[in-house]
Amino acid sequence: MTGSRIQRLRTIPASCQHPTPIEIYRAAESYRRAGLSVMPISQDGSKAPAVDKLPRVWCGKRKKHVSSWTPYMERLPTLGEIKGWFSGGGQGTLSPGIAVIGGHVSGGLEILDLDNYDLSISFKIEVEKRCPGLLDKLVAVTTPRPGLHLWYRCKRVEGSQKLASIRDPKSPRGWKTAIETKGAGGYCLAPPSPGDCHPLGKCYAFETDMDLTDIQTISISERQTLFDVAESFDQSETSRSHKDRGLPPKRSTLNSNRPGDDYNRRVKWEDLLLRHGWKLAGTGRGGEERWTRPGKDRGWSATVDYANRDLFHVFSVNAFPFEADRSYTKFHAYALLEHGGNFSAAASKLARQGYGRTVRKKKLTRNRSGSAYIRTLRKLR
């Protein structure tokens, strides 16, 4: 280990909780020199960016300037910015934690996040069976939960995505994410961040002899091996039913005369999403469409046709007015995007545009005939 490397913290747990400002500053500077885009994290237990230290950028949606870390999704911070963030502001001033942003800005960085450390043991055993020596190329960081982060670079890098979910009776939806990635548009906290940055008040620490200045580039096939092993732990894959996937239950609307149901049948997702700034990013392995939220240039934030259902499933926490980890019908999305979530107003507007009328005409063919049917159609017009 050279003198420029930061001190290993994994063997000194006490120092992880309260690293000195100079340790944090030197680490952040070393990461930046290694081609990683870093930003400061607040010591309030939220794992959120320290917005008071970030630059203000114009937000078209809010029509004002807001503090944001989005510039560092596109460029590395300057050494001057790092010094301003991490060098300390006087006696008694808290030093922020460090987060590293994934994606091409950090040289194709992607982090595999395993939520449970017991699961990570089985995961590593399986990876070693399929690709001996691959784990030796990854920088391993233990997380406070405890869990495990595996850091690597690759020529192919995507937005953050979920790879495996497991059943969890304590979760409101009965499921929790067990393995996911942090890629383009995502970030992970890194050692030596203070323990106060995490809700549990504990620290991140290196498990291996390598730190984040040693991140190696793996092949696309090696990355796929990691993904394949991760997906093998996905309990939701044991059943393709809607109930097991935690998605809304199937409901037939073929005979419904409601404007919203008619809208769901007749409108394409691209007709709604494109005019609100969403961009089609491509197609996933399962045939689902991948969409990128407004204000984001790389990666993807939501999918359409996940699990063969015509639903818009959002992953991003920055996709207002949508919520992360929720699925939406076209009518639901339309109501949020164009009527502020007022479903009555949305249905009324669609009815005035003719949605729902076609279904009522079909019903009339079964109940009316001749002149009575014609008179009824005239009333509908």
Protein backbone atom coordinates (compact mmCIF):
# COMPACT_ATOMS: atom_id res chain seq x y z
CA MET A 1 0.00 0.00 0.00
CA THR A 2 1.47 3.37 -1.02
CA GLY A 3 1.59 6.44 1.20
CA SER A 4 -1.09 8.16 -0.88
CA ARG A 5 -3.67 5.52 -0.03
CA ILE A 6 -6.12 6.23 2.79
CA GLN A 7 -5.78 4.25 5.99
CA ARG A 8 -7.69 0.98 6.00
CA LEU A 9 -10.63 1.32 8.39
CA ARG A 10 -11.99 -2.22 8.43
CA THR A 11 -9.63 -3.33 11.22
CA ILE A 12 -10.28 -0.22 13.34
CA PRO A 13 -14.07 -0.06 13.76
CA ALA A 14 -13.95 2.78 16.31
CA SER A 15 -12.25 5.15 13.88
CA CYS A 16 -14.99 4.52 11.30
CA GLN A 17 -17.57 6.23 13.45
CA HIS A 18 -15.61 9.44 13.84
CA PRO A 19 -13.04 9.87 11.06
CA THR A 20 -11.16 13.14 11.20
CA PRO A 21 -11.87 15.88 8.64
CA ILE A 22 -8.41 15.42 7.15
CA GLU A 23 -9.04 11.66 6.64
CA ILE A 24 -12.31 12.39 4.85
CA TYR A 25 -10.78 15.15 2.73
CA ARG A 26 -7.79 13.05 1.66
CA ALA A 27 -10.04 10.13 0.76
CA ALA A 28 -12.39 12.30 -1.32
CA GLU A 29 -9.45 13.88 -3.12
CA SER A 30 -7.93 10.44 -3.81
CA TYR A 31 -11.22 9.16 -5.21
CA ARG A 32 -11.55 12.16 -7.49
CA ARG A 33 -7.98 11.70 -8.75
CA ALA A 34 -8.91 8.06 -9.48
CA GLY A 35 -11.67 9.27 -11.80
CA LEU A 36 -14.64 9.01 -9.44
CA SER A 37 -17.32 11.67 -9.20
CA VAL A 38 -17.92 12.36 -5.51
CA MET A 39 -20.28 14.58 -3.55
CA PRO A 40 -20.86 15.46 0.14
CA ILE A 41 -23.41 13.61 2.30
CA SER A 42 -25.24 15.15 5.24
CA GLN A 43 -24.58 13.87 8.77
CA ASP A 44 -28.29 13.68 9.62
CA GLY A 45 -28.72 9.93 9.14
CA SER A 46 -30.62 10.33 5.87
CA LYS A 47 -27.86 9.25 3.44
CA ALA A 48 -28.96 12.31 1.46
CA PRO A 49 -26.69 14.85 -0.25
CA ALA A 50 -25.57 17.83 1.84
CA VAL A 51 -27.65 20.30 -0.17
CA ASP A 52 -26.28 23.34 1.65
CA LYS A 53 -22.88 22.60 0.07
CA LEU A 54 -24.08 21.90 -3.47
CA PRO A 55 -24.39 24.37 -6.37
CA ARG A 56 -27.73 25.86 -7.32
CA VAL A 57 -29.10 24.97 -10.74
CA TRP A 58 -32.24 26.01 -12.58
CA CYS A 59 -35.23 23.67 -12.17
CA GLY A 60 -37.71 24.16 -14.99
CA LYS A 61 -40.46 22.27 -13.18
CA ARG A 62 -40.24 24.42 -10.05
CA LYS A 63 -39.38 27.58 -11.99
CA LYS A 64 -36.53 28.45 -9.65
CA HIS A 65 -32.92 27.64 -8.76
CA VAL A 66 -32.43 24.71 -6.39
CA SER A 67 -29.41 23.05 -4.78
CA SER A 68 -28.63 19.88 -6.68
CA TRP A 69 -26.00 17.19 -7.19
CA THR A 70 -27.05 16.57 -10.81
CA PRO A 71 -24.05 18.47 -12.29
CA TYR A 72 -21.79 15.74 -10.93
CA MET A 73 -23.69 13.11 -12.92
CA GLU A 74 -22.07 14.72 -15.96
CA ARG A 75 -18.68 15.93 -14.71
CA LEU A 76 -16.16 15.34 -11.95
CA PRO A 77 -16.05 17.92 -9.17
CA THR A 78 -13.05 20.21 -9.22
CA LEU A 79 -10.36 19.84 -6.60
CA GLY A 80 -11.42 23.27 -5.38
CA GLU A 81 -14.98 22.06 -4.84
CA ILE A 82 -13.73 19.03 -2.93
CA LYS A 83 -11.61 21.24 -0.72
CA GLY A 84 -14.60 23.46 -0.01
CA TRP A 85 -16.77 20.49 0.87
CA PHE A 86 -14.41 18.37 2.95
CA SER A 87 -11.57 20.45 4.33
CA GLY A 88 -13.63 21.66 7.31
CA GLY A 89 -15.14 24.97 8.26
CA GLY A 90 -13.66 25.56 11.67
CA GLN A 91 -13.73 24.04 15.12
CA GLY A 92 -16.86 22.06 15.88
CA THR A 93 -17.96 21.89 12.25
CA LEU A 94 -19.20 18.49 11.13
CA SER A 95 -17.42 17.03 8.14
CA PRO A 96 -19.81 15.57 5.53
CA GLY A 97 -19.67 11.99 4.37
CA ILE A 98 -18.61 10.89 0.90
CA ALA A 99 -20.81 9.47 -1.83
CA VAL A 100 -19.59 8.24 -5.22
CA ILE A 101 -21.82 8.63 -8.28
CA GLY A 102 -22.14 5.71 -10.68
CA GLY A 103 -22.18 5.57 -14.46
CA HIS A 104 -19.96 6.84 -17.25
CA VAL A 105 -18.98 9.97 -15.30
CA SER A 106 -16.99 7.70 -12.98
CA GLY A 107 -15.45 5.61 -15.75
CA GLY A 108 -18.27 3.09 -16.13
CA LEU A 109 -18.75 2.56 -12.40
CA GLU A 110 -21.45 0.22 -11.14
CA ILE A 111 -22.05 -1.03 -7.61
CA LEU A 112 -23.81 -4.28 -6.77
CA ASP A 113 -25.75 -3.76 -3.53
CA LEU A 114 -26.62 -6.86 -1.49
CA ASP A 115 -28.98 -5.89 1.30
CA ASN A 116 -28.27 -8.85 3.59
CA TYR A 117 -24.80 -10.07 4.49
CA ASP A 118 -25.94 -13.69 4.97
CA LEU A 119 -27.27 -13.60 1.42
CA SER A 120 -23.96 -12.18 0.22
CA ILE A 121 -22.13 -15.27 1.48
CA SER A 122 -24.26 -17.57 -0.68
CA PHE A 123 -23.96 -15.11 -3.55
CA LYS A 124 -20.16 -15.13 -3.42
CA ILE A 125 -20.02 -18.93 -3.27
CA GLU A 126 -22.13 -19.17 -6.42
CA VAL A 127 -20.12 -16.50 -8.27
CA GLU A 128 -16.88 -18.32 -7.49
CA LYS A 129 -18.36 -21.56 -8.85
CA ARG A 130 -19.39 -19.96 -12.12
CA CYS A 131 -16.42 -17.64 -12.64
CA PRO A 132 -13.41 -18.44 -10.46
CA GLY A 133 -11.34 -15.37 -9.65
CA LEU A 134 -14.03 -12.80 -10.49
CA LEU A 135 -14.57 -11.80 -6.86
CA ASP A 136 -10.88 -10.96 -6.53
CA LYS A 137 -11.39 -8.15 -9.07
CA LEU A 138 -14.16 -6.46 -7.04
CA VAL A 139 -13.73 -3.95 -4.25
CA ALA A 140 -15.89 -5.15 -1.36
CA VAL A 141 -17.36 -2.76 1.21
CA THR A 142 -19.44 -3.88 4.18
CA THR A 143 -22.49 -1.71 4.88
CA PRO A 144 -24.07 -0.82 8.24
CA ARG A 145 -27.17 -3.03 7.82
CA PRO A 146 -24.98 -5.22 7.49
CA GLY A 147 -24.83 -5.85 3.79
CA LEU A 148 -22.26 -5.78 1.03
CA HIS A 149 -21.34 -3.43 -1.82
CA LEU A 150 -19.27 -4.79 -4.71
CA TRP A 151 -17.62 -2.08 -6.80
CA TYR A 152 -16.43 -2.51 -10.39
CA ARG A 153 -16.21 -0.75 -13.74
CA CYS A 154 -17.50 -2.07 -17.04
CA LYS A 155 -17.81 -0.83 -20.63
CA ARG A 156 -21.54 -1.56 -20.38
CA VAL A 157 -23.24 0.38 -17.62
CA GLU A 158 -26.94 1.13 -17.15
CA GLY A 159 -29.16 2.96 -14.74
CA SER A 160 -29.80 1.56 -11.27
CA GLN A 161 -31.96 -1.56 -11.36
CA LYS A 162 -33.41 -4.24 -9.11
CA LEU A 163 -32.17 -7.78 -9.68
CA ALA A 164 -33.72 -9.81 -6.86
CA SER A 165 -36.61 -9.43 -4.43
CA ILE A 166 -37.42 -11.65 -1.46
CA ARG A 167 -40.49 -12.08 0.67
CA ASP A 168 -40.65 -9.87 3.76
CA PRO A 169 -43.74 -10.01 5.99
CA LYS A 170 -42.68 -6.74 7.65
CA SER A 171 -42.79 -4.85 4.37
CA PRO A 172 -46.10 -3.14 3.47
CA ARG A 173 -46.08 -4.90 0.08
CA GLY A 174 -44.76 -8.22 1.39
CA TRP A 175 -41.52 -7.91 -0.60
CA LYS A 176 -38.20 -6.18 -0.24
CA THR A 177 -35.32 -5.65 -2.62
CA ALA A 178 -32.47 -8.03 -1.81
CA ILE A 179 -30.02 -7.25 -4.63
CA GLU A 180 -29.87 -4.16 -6.82
CA THR A 181 -27.36 -2.08 -8.71
CA LYS A 182 -26.37 1.54 -8.43
CA GLY A 183 -25.34 2.74 -11.85
CA ALA A 184 -25.87 5.85 -13.95
CA GLY A 185 -27.85 8.37 -11.95
CA GLY A 186 -27.32 6.53 -8.66
CA TYR A 187 -24.82 6.85 -5.85
CA CYS A 188 -23.44 4.93 -2.85
CA LEU A 189 -21.89 6.12 0.36
CA ALA A 190 -18.25 5.19 0.75
CA PRO A 191 -15.65 4.88 3.52
CA PRO A 192 -14.55 6.80 5.48
CA SER A 193 -17.96 8.47 5.84
CA PRO A 194 -18.95 9.17 9.47
CA GLY A 195 -21.43 6.77 11.03
CA ASP A 196 -23.88 9.65 11.50
CA CYS A 197 -24.52 9.66 7.74
CA HIS A 198 -26.44 6.38 8.01
CA PRO A 199 -29.81 5.86 9.77
CA LEU A 200 -28.24 3.13 11.91
CA GLY A 201 -25.40 5.39 13.01
CA LYS A 202 -22.81 2.92 11.75
CA CYS A 203 -20.08 3.10 9.14
CA TYR A 204 -19.07 1.59 5.81
CA ALA A 205 -15.74 -0.26 5.84
CA PHE A 206 -13.50 -2.03 3.36
CA GLU A 207 -13.68 -5.82 3.46
CA THR A 208 -10.84 -6.37 1.00
CA ASP A 209 -7.30 -5.04 0.78
CA MET A 210 -8.38 -2.84 -2.13
CA ASP A 211 -9.98 0.58 -1.73
CA LEU A 212 -11.87 2.74 -4.22
CA THR A 213 -8.69 3.87 -5.92
CA ASP A 214 -8.25 0.23 -7.01
CA ILE A 215 -11.56 -0.33 -8.84
CA GLN A 216 -10.97 -2.67 -11.78
CA THR A 217 -12.79 -3.00 -15.10
CA ILE A 218 -14.51 -6.33 -15.64
CA SER A 219 -15.73 -7.76 -18.94
CA ILE A 220 -19.33 -7.61 -20.10
CA SER A 221 -19.60 -11.38 -19.72
CA GLU A 222 -18.27 -11.20 -16.14
CA ARG A 223 -20.83 -8.51 -15.36
CA GLN A 224 -23.53 -10.74 -16.82
CA THR A 225 -22.39 -13.54 -14.53
CA LEU A 226 -22.92 -11.27 -11.52
CA PHE A 227 -26.39 -10.39 -12.81
CA ASP A 228 -27.31 -14.01 -13.50
CA VAL A 229 -26.29 -15.10 -10.02
CA ALA A 230 -28.15 -12.16 -8.46
CA GLU A 231 -31.33 -12.98 -10.39
CA SER A 232 -31.12 -16.60 -9.26
CA PHE A 233 -31.98 -15.35 -5.74
CA ASP A 234 -35.13 -13.59 -6.94
CA GLN A 235 -38.02 -15.28 -5.15
CA SER A 236 -40.57 -13.39 -7.21
CA GLU A 237 -39.39 -15.38 -10.25
CA THR A 238 -40.79 -18.57 -8.70
CA SER A 239 -44.24 -17.45 -9.80
CA ARG A 240 -45.25 -15.26 -12.69
CA SER A 241 -48.63 -14.50 -11.17
CA HIS A 242 -49.57 -10.87 -10.54
CA LYS A 243 -50.09 -11.57 -6.87
CA ASP A 244 -46.59 -12.98 -6.37
CA ARG A 245 -45.05 -10.00 -8.16
CA GLY A 246 -46.70 -7.56 -5.81
CA LEU A 247 -48.37 -5.80 -8.77
CA PRO A 248 -51.98 -4.65 -8.90
CA PRO A 249 -54.41 -7.57 -9.45
CA LYS A 250 -55.71 -8.27 -12.90
CA ARG A 251 -59.10 -6.77 -13.63
CA SER A 252 -60.97 -7.07 -16.88
CA THR A 253 -62.04 -3.75 -18.35
CA LEU A 254 -63.10 -5.05 -21.74
CA ASN A 255 -66.75 -4.29 -21.03
CA SER A 256 -66.22 -1.20 -18.87
CA ASN A 257 -67.74 2.04 -20.09
CA ARG A 258 -65.60 4.30 -17.92
CA PRO A 259 -63.51 6.91 -19.76
CA GLY A 260 -60.39 5.88 -17.84
CA ASP A 261 -60.68 2.23 -18.82
CA ASP A 262 -61.33 3.20 -22.43
CA TYR A 263 -58.24 5.44 -22.29
CA ASN A 264 -56.17 2.52 -20.99
CA ARG A 265 -57.22 0.42 -23.97
CA ARG A 266 -56.86 2.96 -26.75
CA VAL A 267 -53.82 5.10 -25.91
CA LYS A 268 -50.17 4.12 -26.30
CA TRP A 269 -47.72 4.92 -23.52
CA GLU A 270 -45.52 6.90 -25.90
CA ASP A 271 -48.45 9.22 -26.69
CA LEU A 272 -48.58 10.26 -23.04
CA LEU A 273 -44.97 10.05 -21.86
CA LEU A 274 -43.18 11.71 -24.78
CA ARG A 275 -45.13 14.93 -24.49
CA HIS A 276 -44.15 15.18 -20.83
CA GLY A 277 -40.42 14.91 -21.44
CA TRP A 278 -39.89 11.18 -20.91
CA LYS A 279 -37.57 9.41 -23.35
CA LEU A 280 -37.57 5.79 -24.50
CA ALA A 281 -34.17 4.38 -23.49
CA GLY A 282 -34.50 0.94 -25.06
CA THR A 283 -35.79 -2.55 -24.35
CA GLY A 284 -34.81 -4.83 -21.46
CA ARG A 285 -33.99 -8.54 -21.43
CA GLY A 286 -37.61 -9.40 -20.74
CA GLY A 287 -38.94 -7.27 -23.58
CA GLU A 288 -40.05 -4.43 -21.32
CA GLU A 289 -39.62 -0.84 -22.49
CA ARG A 290 -37.18 1.26 -20.48
CA TRP A 291 -37.95 4.95 -20.03
CA THR A 292 -35.76 7.83 -18.85
CA ARG A 293 -37.30 10.58 -16.75
CA PRO A 294 -37.15 14.27 -17.74
CA GLY A 295 -33.86 15.94 -16.83
CA LYS A 296 -31.87 12.73 -17.09
CA ASP A 297 -29.75 11.88 -20.14
CA ARG A 298 -28.45 8.39 -19.35
CA GLY A 299 -29.86 5.26 -17.77
CA TRP A 300 -33.53 4.59 -17.17
CA SER A 301 -36.06 5.44 -14.50
CA ALA A 302 -39.12 3.29 -15.26
CA THR A 303 -40.35 0.35 -17.31
CA VAL A 304 -43.46 -0.46 -19.31
CA ASP A 305 -44.82 -3.99 -19.82
CA TYR A 306 -42.92 -5.40 -16.83
CA ALA A 307 -44.08 -8.97 -16.15
CA ASN A 308 -46.18 -8.77 -19.34
CA ARG A 309 -48.50 -6.17 -17.82
CA ASP A 310 -49.27 -2.88 -19.51
CA LEU A 311 -48.19 -0.86 -16.49
CA PHE A 312 -45.73 1.97 -15.94
CA HIS A 313 -43.42 0.86 -13.10
CA VAL A 314 -41.25 3.63 -11.64
CA PHE A 315 -37.89 3.04 -9.96
CA SER A 316 -36.56 6.59 -9.59
CA VAL A 317 -37.18 8.70 -6.50
CA ASN A 318 -36.79 11.81 -8.70
CA ALA A 319 -39.64 11.15 -11.13
CA PHE A 320 -42.28 13.51 -9.72
CA PRO A 321 -45.28 13.22 -9.71
CA PHE A 322 -44.68 9.46 -9.65
CA GLU A 323 -43.51 7.60 -6.57
CA ALA A 324 -40.65 5.12 -6.60
CA ASP A 325 -41.42 1.39 -6.62
CA ARG A 326 -45.02 1.88 -7.77
CA SER A 327 -46.93 0.80 -10.87
CA TYR A 328 -49.40 2.98 -12.77
CA THR A 329 -52.06 2.50 -15.43
CA LYS A 330 -52.21 4.96 -18.31
CA PHE A 331 -55.24 6.70 -16.81
CA HIS A 332 -53.53 7.00 -13.42
CA ALA A 333 -50.43 8.47 -15.07
CA TYR A 334 -52.58 10.81 -17.18
CA ALA A 335 -54.40 12.07 -14.07
CA LEU A 336 -51.11 12.77 -12.28
CA LEU A 337 -49.37 14.40 -15.23
CA GLU A 338 -52.20 16.54 -16.58
CA HIS A 339 -54.69 16.99 -13.74
CA GLY A 340 -52.55 17.06 -10.59
CA GLY A 341 -53.94 13.72 -9.44
CA ASN A 342 -57.60 14.80 -9.71
CA PHE A 343 -59.15 11.65 -11.15
CA SER A 344 -62.64 13.11 -11.45
CA ALA A 345 -61.36 16.02 -13.53
CA ALA A 346 -59.29 13.63 -15.65
CA ALA A 347 -62.27 11.36 -16.31
CA SER A 348 -64.50 14.31 -17.18
CA LYS A 349 -61.95 15.65 -19.63
CA LEU A 350 -61.59 12.26 -21.30
CA ALA A 351 -65.37 11.87 -21.53
CA ARG A 352 -65.58 15.21 -23.35
CA GLN A 353 -62.94 13.91 -25.75
CA GLY A 354 -65.06 10.86 -26.54
CA TYR A 355 -63.51 8.20 -24.34
CA GLY A 356 -66.04 5.66 -23.07
CA ARG A 357 -68.63 6.28 -25.76
CA THR A 358 -67.50 3.43 -28.01
CA VAL A 359 -68.12 0.89 -25.26
CA ARG A 360 -71.62 2.24 -24.53
CA LYS A 361 -72.52 1.84 -28.21
CA LYS A 362 -71.46 -1.80 -28.06
CA LYS A 363 -73.67 -2.38 -25.05
CA LEU A 364 -76.63 -0.75 -26.84
CA THR A 365 -76.36 -3.21 -29.72
CA ARG A 366 -77.29 -5.95 -27.28
CA ASN A 367 -80.27 -4.10 -25.79
CA ARG A 368 -81.74 -1.90 -28.49
CA SER A 369 -82.54 -2.15 -32.15
CA GLY A 370 -83.97 -0.13 -34.98
CA SER A 371 -85.01 3.49 -34.52
CA ALA A 372 -84.61 3.39 -30.73
CA TYR A 373 -80.95 2.53 -31.14
CA ILE A 374 -80.43 5.36 -33.65
CA ARG A 375 -82.15 7.90 -31.39
CA THR A 376 -79.93 6.87 -28.48
CA LEU A 377 -76.77 7.27 -30.56
CA ARG A 378 -77.88 10.79 -31.51
CA LYS A 379 -78.28 11.68 -27.84
CA LEU A 380 -74.77 10.44 -27.09
CA ARG A 381 -73.38 12.70 -29.82
